[in-house]
Amino acid sequence: MAEKLKFFDIVAKKPFETDKYTVEIRTTKKGRKVKIAFAISPYTGKKIARILGPA
């Protein structure tokens, strides 16, 4: 089971905490690899991202 992470919905201006998220490794424009967690906001239903750090 994944640990709970805190996300912030900018549209609703409210934080939320969930363990239902996916982690992707993306490459930045400078060529660095970064881990990003994506979750669906319970307030707006939009996909919210949170940077977890370098991969």
PDB file of N, CA and C in Angstrom:
ATOM      1  N   MET A   1       0.845  -1.186   0.000  1.00  0.00           N
ATOM      2  CA  MET A   1       0.000   0.000   0.000  1.00  0.00           C
ATOM      3  C   MET A   1       0.887   1.244   0.000  1.00  0.00           C
ATOM      4  N   ALA A   2       0.543   2.203  -0.831  1.00  0.00           N
ATOM      5  CA  ALA A   2       1.327   3.428  -0.938  1.00  0.00           C
ATOM      6  C   ALA A   2       1.086   4.322   0.275  1.00  0.00           C
ATOM      7  N   GLU A   3       2.103   5.076   0.616  1.00  0.00           N
ATOM      8  CA  GLU A   3       1.943   6.000   1.738  1.00  0.00           C
ATOM      9  C   GLU A   3       1.114   7.203   1.306  1.00  0.00           C
ATOM     10  N   LYS A   4       0.481   7.863   2.258  1.00  0.00           N
ATOM     11  CA  LYS A   4      -0.344   9.028   1.948  1.00  0.00           C
ATOM     12  C   LYS A   4       0.555  10.228   1.659  1.00  0.00           C
ATOM     13  N   LEU A   5       0.193  10.974   0.627  1.00  0.00           N
ATOM     14  CA  LEU A   5       0.904  12.195   0.269  1.00  0.00           C
ATOM     15  C   LEU A   5      -0.076  13.358   0.304  1.00  0.00           C
ATOM     16  N   LYS A   6       0.465  14.527   0.582  1.00  0.00           N
ATOM     17  CA  LYS A   6      -0.355  15.736   0.579  1.00  0.00           C
ATOM     18  C   LYS A   6      -0.217  16.425  -0.776  1.00  0.00           C
ATOM     19  N   PHE A   7      -1.355  16.843  -1.318  1.00  0.00           N
ATOM     20  CA  PHE A   7      -1.419  17.585  -2.569  1.00  0.00           C
ATOM     21  C   PHE A   7      -2.169  18.883  -2.302  1.00  0.00           C
ATOM     22  N   PHE A   8      -2.036  19.849  -3.214  1.00  0.00           N
ATOM     23  CA  PHE A   8      -2.745  21.119  -3.056  1.00  0.00           C
ATOM     24  C   PHE A   8      -3.469  21.437  -4.354  1.00  0.00           C
ATOM     25  N   ASP A   9      -4.781  21.579  -4.273  1.00  0.00           N
ATOM     26  CA  ASP A   9      -5.602  21.937  -5.427  1.00  0.00           C
ATOM     27  C   ASP A   9      -5.636  23.458  -5.529  1.00  0.00           C
ATOM     28  N   ILE A  10      -5.023  23.986  -6.566  1.00  0.00           N
ATOM     29  CA  ILE A  10      -4.917  25.443  -6.727  1.00  0.00           C
ATOM     30  C   ILE A  10      -6.286  26.055  -7.039  1.00  0.00           C
ATOM     31  N   VAL A  11      -7.103  25.363  -7.829  1.00  0.00           N
ATOM     32  CA  VAL A  11      -8.413  25.899  -8.205  1.00  0.00           C
ATOM     33  C   VAL A  11      -9.315  26.013  -6.982  1.00  0.00           C
ATOM     34  N   ALA A  12      -9.362  24.961  -6.162  1.00  0.00           N
ATOM     35  CA  ALA A  12     -10.211  24.963  -4.963  1.00  0.00           C
ATOM     36  C   ALA A  12      -9.545  25.665  -3.786  1.00  0.00           C
ATOM     37  N   LYS A  13      -8.238  25.890  -3.899  1.00  0.00           N
ATOM     38  CA  LYS A  13      -7.441  26.523  -2.828  1.00  0.00           C
ATOM     39  C   LYS A  13      -7.512  25.719  -1.528  1.00  0.00           C
ATOM     40  N   LYS A  14      -7.469  24.376  -1.660  1.00  0.00           N
ATOM     41  CA  LYS A  14      -7.541  23.505  -0.495  1.00  0.00           C
ATOM     42  C   LYS A  14      -6.540  22.363  -0.632  1.00  0.00           C
ATOM     43  N   PRO A  15      -5.901  21.991   0.468  1.00  0.00           N
ATOM     44  CA  PRO A  15      -5.035  20.805   0.422  1.00  0.00           C
ATOM     45  C   PRO A  15      -5.864  19.535   0.629  1.00  0.00           C
ATOM     46  N   PHE A  16      -5.323  18.421   0.148  1.00  0.00           N
ATOM     47  CA  PHE A  16      -5.945  17.129   0.414  1.00  0.00           C
ATOM     48  C   PHE A  16      -4.854  16.075   0.518  1.00  0.00           C
ATOM     49  N   GLU A  17      -5.192  14.972   1.153  1.00  0.00           N
ATOM     50  CA  GLU A  17      -4.236  13.897   1.383  1.00  0.00           C
ATOM     51  C   GLU A  17      -4.828  12.608   0.812  1.00  0.00           C
ATOM     52  N   THR A  18      -4.010  11.851   0.073  1.00  0.00           N
ATOM     53  CA  THR A  18      -4.496  10.632  -0.548  1.00  0.00           C
ATOM     54  C   THR A  18      -3.372   9.617  -0.711  1.00  0.00           C
ATOM     55  N   ASP A  19      -3.770   8.359  -0.819  1.00  0.00           N
ATOM     56  CA  ASP A  19      -2.810   7.306  -1.141  1.00  0.00           C
ATOM     57  C   ASP A  19      -3.103   6.728  -2.530  1.00  0.00           C
ATOM     58  N   LYS A  20      -4.042   7.353  -3.263  1.00  0.00           N
ATOM     59  CA  LYS A  20      -4.370   6.929  -4.623  1.00  0.00           C
ATOM     60  C   LYS A  20      -3.709   7.885  -5.612  1.00  0.00           C
ATOM     61  N   TYR A  21      -2.474   7.567  -5.975  1.00  0.00           N
ATOM     62  CA  TYR A  21      -1.722   8.397  -6.913  1.00  0.00           C
ATOM     63  C   TYR A  21      -0.804   7.510  -7.736  1.00  0.00           C
ATOM     64  N   THR A  22      -0.310   8.065  -8.831  1.00  0.00           N
ATOM     65  CA  THR A  22       0.662   7.361  -9.658  1.00  0.00           C
ATOM     66  C   THR A  22       1.940   8.179  -9.683  1.00  0.00           C
ATOM     67  N   VAL A  23       3.077   7.489  -9.776  1.00  0.00           N
ATOM     68  CA  VAL A  23       4.381   8.153  -9.822  1.00  0.00           C
ATOM     69  C   VAL A  23       4.976   7.930 -11.203  1.00  0.00           C
ATOM     70  N   GLU A  24       5.389   9.035 -11.828  1.00  0.00           N
ATOM     71  CA  GLU A  24       6.016   8.974 -13.139  1.00  0.00           C
ATOM     72  C   GLU A  24       7.381   9.622 -13.066  1.00  0.00           C
ATOM     73  N   ILE A  25       8.291   9.147 -13.902  1.00  0.00           N
ATOM     74  CA  ILE A  25       9.615   9.772 -14.006  1.00  0.00           C
ATOM     75  C   ILE A  25       9.630  10.541 -15.315  1.00  0.00           C
ATOM     76  N   ARG A  26       9.848  11.834 -15.208  1.00  0.00           N
ATOM     77  CA  ARG A  26       9.858  12.713 -16.375  1.00  0.00           C
ATOM     78  C   ARG A  26      11.240  13.345 -16.530  1.00  0.00           C
ATOM     79  N   THR A  27      11.577  13.730 -17.752  1.00  0.00           N
ATOM     80  CA  THR A  27      12.836  14.402 -18.030  1.00  0.00           C
ATOM     81  C   THR A  27      12.567  15.888 -18.234  1.00  0.00           C
ATOM     82  N   THR A  28      13.349  16.727 -17.548  1.00  0.00           N
ATOM     83  CA  THR A  28      13.186  18.172 -17.680  1.00  0.00           C
ATOM     84  C   THR A  28      13.865  18.662 -18.946  1.00  0.00           C
ATOM     85  N   LYS A  29      13.699  19.948 -19.222  1.00  0.00           N
ATOM     86  CA  LYS A  29      14.344  20.532 -20.402  1.00  0.00           C
ATOM     87  C   LYS A  29      15.863  20.480 -20.302  1.00  0.00           C
ATOM     88  N   LYS A  30      16.377  20.487 -19.082  1.00  0.00           N
ATOM     89  CA  LYS A  30      17.827  20.434 -18.880  1.00  0.00           C
ATOM     90  C   LYS A  30      18.363  19.004 -18.843  1.00  0.00           C
ATOM     91  N   GLY A  31      17.490  18.017 -19.040  1.00  0.00           N
ATOM     92  CA  GLY A  31      17.917  16.634 -19.109  1.00  0.00           C
ATOM     93  C   GLY A  31      17.936  15.895 -17.785  1.00  0.00           C
ATOM     94  N   ARG A  32      17.469  16.512 -16.725  1.00  0.00           N
ATOM     95  CA  ARG A  32      17.422  15.860 -15.415  1.00  0.00           C
ATOM     96  C   ARG A  32      16.151  15.034 -15.292  1.00  0.00           C
ATOM     97  N   LYS A  33      16.237  13.936 -14.573  1.00  0.00           N
ATOM     98  CA  LYS A  33      15.068  13.089 -14.365  1.00  0.00           C
ATOM     99  C   LYS A  33      14.464  13.405 -12.998  1.00  0.00           C
ATOM    100  N   VAL A  34      13.132  13.563 -12.968  1.00  0.00           N
ATOM    101  CA  VAL A  34      12.415  13.972 -11.762  1.00  0.00           C
ATOM    102  C   VAL A  34      11.226  13.036 -11.544  1.00  0.00           C
ATOM    103  N   LYS A  35      10.982  12.659 -10.279  1.00  0.00           N
ATOM    104  CA  LYS A  35       9.804  11.871  -9.940  1.00  0.00           C
ATOM    105  C   LYS A  35       8.653  12.815  -9.623  1.00  0.00           C
ATOM    106  N   ILE A  36       7.502  12.575 -10.255  1.00  0.00           N
ATOM    107  CA  ILE A  36       6.312  13.401 -10.051  1.00  0.00           C
ATOM    108  C   ILE A  36       5.138  12.481  -9.718  1.00  0.00           C
ATOM    109  N   ALA A  37       4.395  12.836  -8.677  1.00  0.00           N
ATOM    110  CA  ALA A  37       3.203  12.082  -8.291  1.00  0.00           C
ATOM    111  C   ALA A  37       1.972  12.812  -8.824  1.00  0.00           C
ATOM    112  N   PHE A  38       1.017  12.045  -9.388  1.00  0.00           N
ATOM    113  CA  PHE A  38      -0.218  12.606  -9.920  1.00  0.00           C
ATOM    114  C   PHE A  38      -1.398  11.997  -9.186  1.00  0.00           C
ATOM    115  N   ALA A  39      -2.349  12.848  -8.783  1.00  0.00           N
ATOM    116  CA  ALA A  39      -3.566  12.391  -8.100  1.00  0.00           C
ATOM    117  C   ALA A  39      -4.751  13.191  -8.627  1.00  0.00           C
ATOM    118  N   ILE A  40      -5.931  12.642  -8.452  1.00  0.00           N
ATOM    119  CA  ILE A  40      -7.169  13.327  -8.842  1.00  0.00           C
ATOM    120  C   ILE A  40      -7.721  14.037  -7.609  1.00  0.00           C
ATOM    121  N   SER A  41      -8.015  15.327  -7.767  1.00  0.00           N
ATOM    122  CA  SER A  41      -8.535  16.124  -6.655  1.00  0.00           C
ATOM    123  C   SER A  41      -9.977  15.745  -6.340  1.00  0.00           C
ATOM    124  N   PRO A  42     -10.299  15.543  -5.062  1.00  0.00           N
ATOM    125  CA  PRO A  42     -11.692  15.261  -4.696  1.00  0.00           C
ATOM    126  C   PRO A  42     -12.596  16.489  -4.799  1.00  0.00           C
ATOM    127  N   TYR A  43     -12.011  17.674  -4.874  1.00  0.00           N
ATOM    128  CA  TYR A  43     -12.792  18.915  -4.921  1.00  0.00           C
ATOM    129  C   TYR A  43     -13.199  19.277  -6.344  1.00  0.00           C
ATOM    130  N   THR A  44     -12.256  19.196  -7.296  1.00  0.00           N
ATOM    131  CA  THR A  44     -12.535  19.633  -8.661  1.00  0.00           C
ATOM    132  C   THR A  44     -12.494  18.505  -9.681  1.00  0.00           C
ATOM    133  N   GLY A  45     -11.927  17.358  -9.330  1.00  0.00           N
ATOM    134  CA  GLY A  45     -11.817  16.250 -10.271  1.00  0.00           C
ATOM    135  C   GLY A  45     -10.671  16.399 -11.251  1.00  0.00           C
ATOM    136  N   LYS A  46      -9.826  17.402 -11.050  1.00  0.00           N
ATOM    137  CA  LYS A  46      -8.699  17.638 -11.947  1.00  0.00           C
ATOM    138  C   LYS A  46      -7.469  16.861 -11.491  1.00  0.00           C
ATOM    139  N   LYS A  47      -6.555  16.638 -12.429  1.00  0.00           N
ATOM    140  CA  LYS A  47      -5.312  15.926 -12.147  1.00  0.00           C
ATOM    141  C   LYS A  47      -4.324  16.908 -11.513  1.00  0.00           C
ATOM    142  N   ILE A  48      -3.832  16.578 -10.318  1.00  0.00           N
ATOM    143  CA  ILE A  48      -2.934  17.447  -9.566  1.00  0.00           C
ATOM    144  C   ILE A  48      -1.566  16.777  -9.489  1.00  0.00           C
ATOM    145  N   ALA A  49      -0.503  17.554  -9.654  1.00  0.00           N
ATOM    146  CA  ALA A  49       0.856  17.027  -9.624  1.00  0.00           C
ATOM    147  C   ALA A  49       1.596  17.518  -8.383  1.00  0.00           C
ATOM    148  N   ARG A  50       2.540  16.676  -7.932  1.00  0.00           N
ATOM    149  CA  ARG A  50       3.420  17.049  -6.826  1.00  0.00           C
ATOM    150  C   ARG A  50       4.801  16.491  -7.157  1.00  0.00           C
ATOM    151  N   ILE A  51       5.825  17.338  -7.115  1.00  0.00           N
ATOM    152  CA  ILE A  51       7.185  16.910  -7.391  1.00  0.00           C
ATOM    153  C   ILE A  51       7.738  16.222  -6.155  1.00  0.00           C
ATOM    154  N   LEU A  52       8.271  15.007  -6.343  1.00  0.00           N
ATOM    155  CA  LEU A  52       8.812  14.236  -5.240  1.00  0.00           C
ATOM    156  C   LEU A  52      10.327  14.381  -5.111  1.00  0.00           C
ATOM    157  N   GLY A  53      11.005  14.756  -6.178  1.00  0.00           N
ATOM    158  CA  GLY A  53      12.448  14.937  -6.112  1.00  0.00           C
ATOM    159  C   GLY A  53      13.142  14.255  -7.277  1.00  0.00           C
ATOM    160  N   PRO A  54      14.464  14.243  -7.251  1.00  0.00           N
ATOM    161  CA  PRO A  54      15.202  13.622  -8.348  1.00  0.00           C
ATOM    162  C   PRO A  54      15.013  12.110  -8.364  1.00  0.00           C
ATOM    163  N   ALA A  55      15.076  11.561  -9.578  1.00  0.00           N
ATOM    164  CA  ALA A  55      14.889  10.111  -9.736  1.00  0.00           C
ATOM    165  C   ALA A  55      16.198   9.373  -9.544  1.00  0.00           C
TER     166      ALA A  55
END
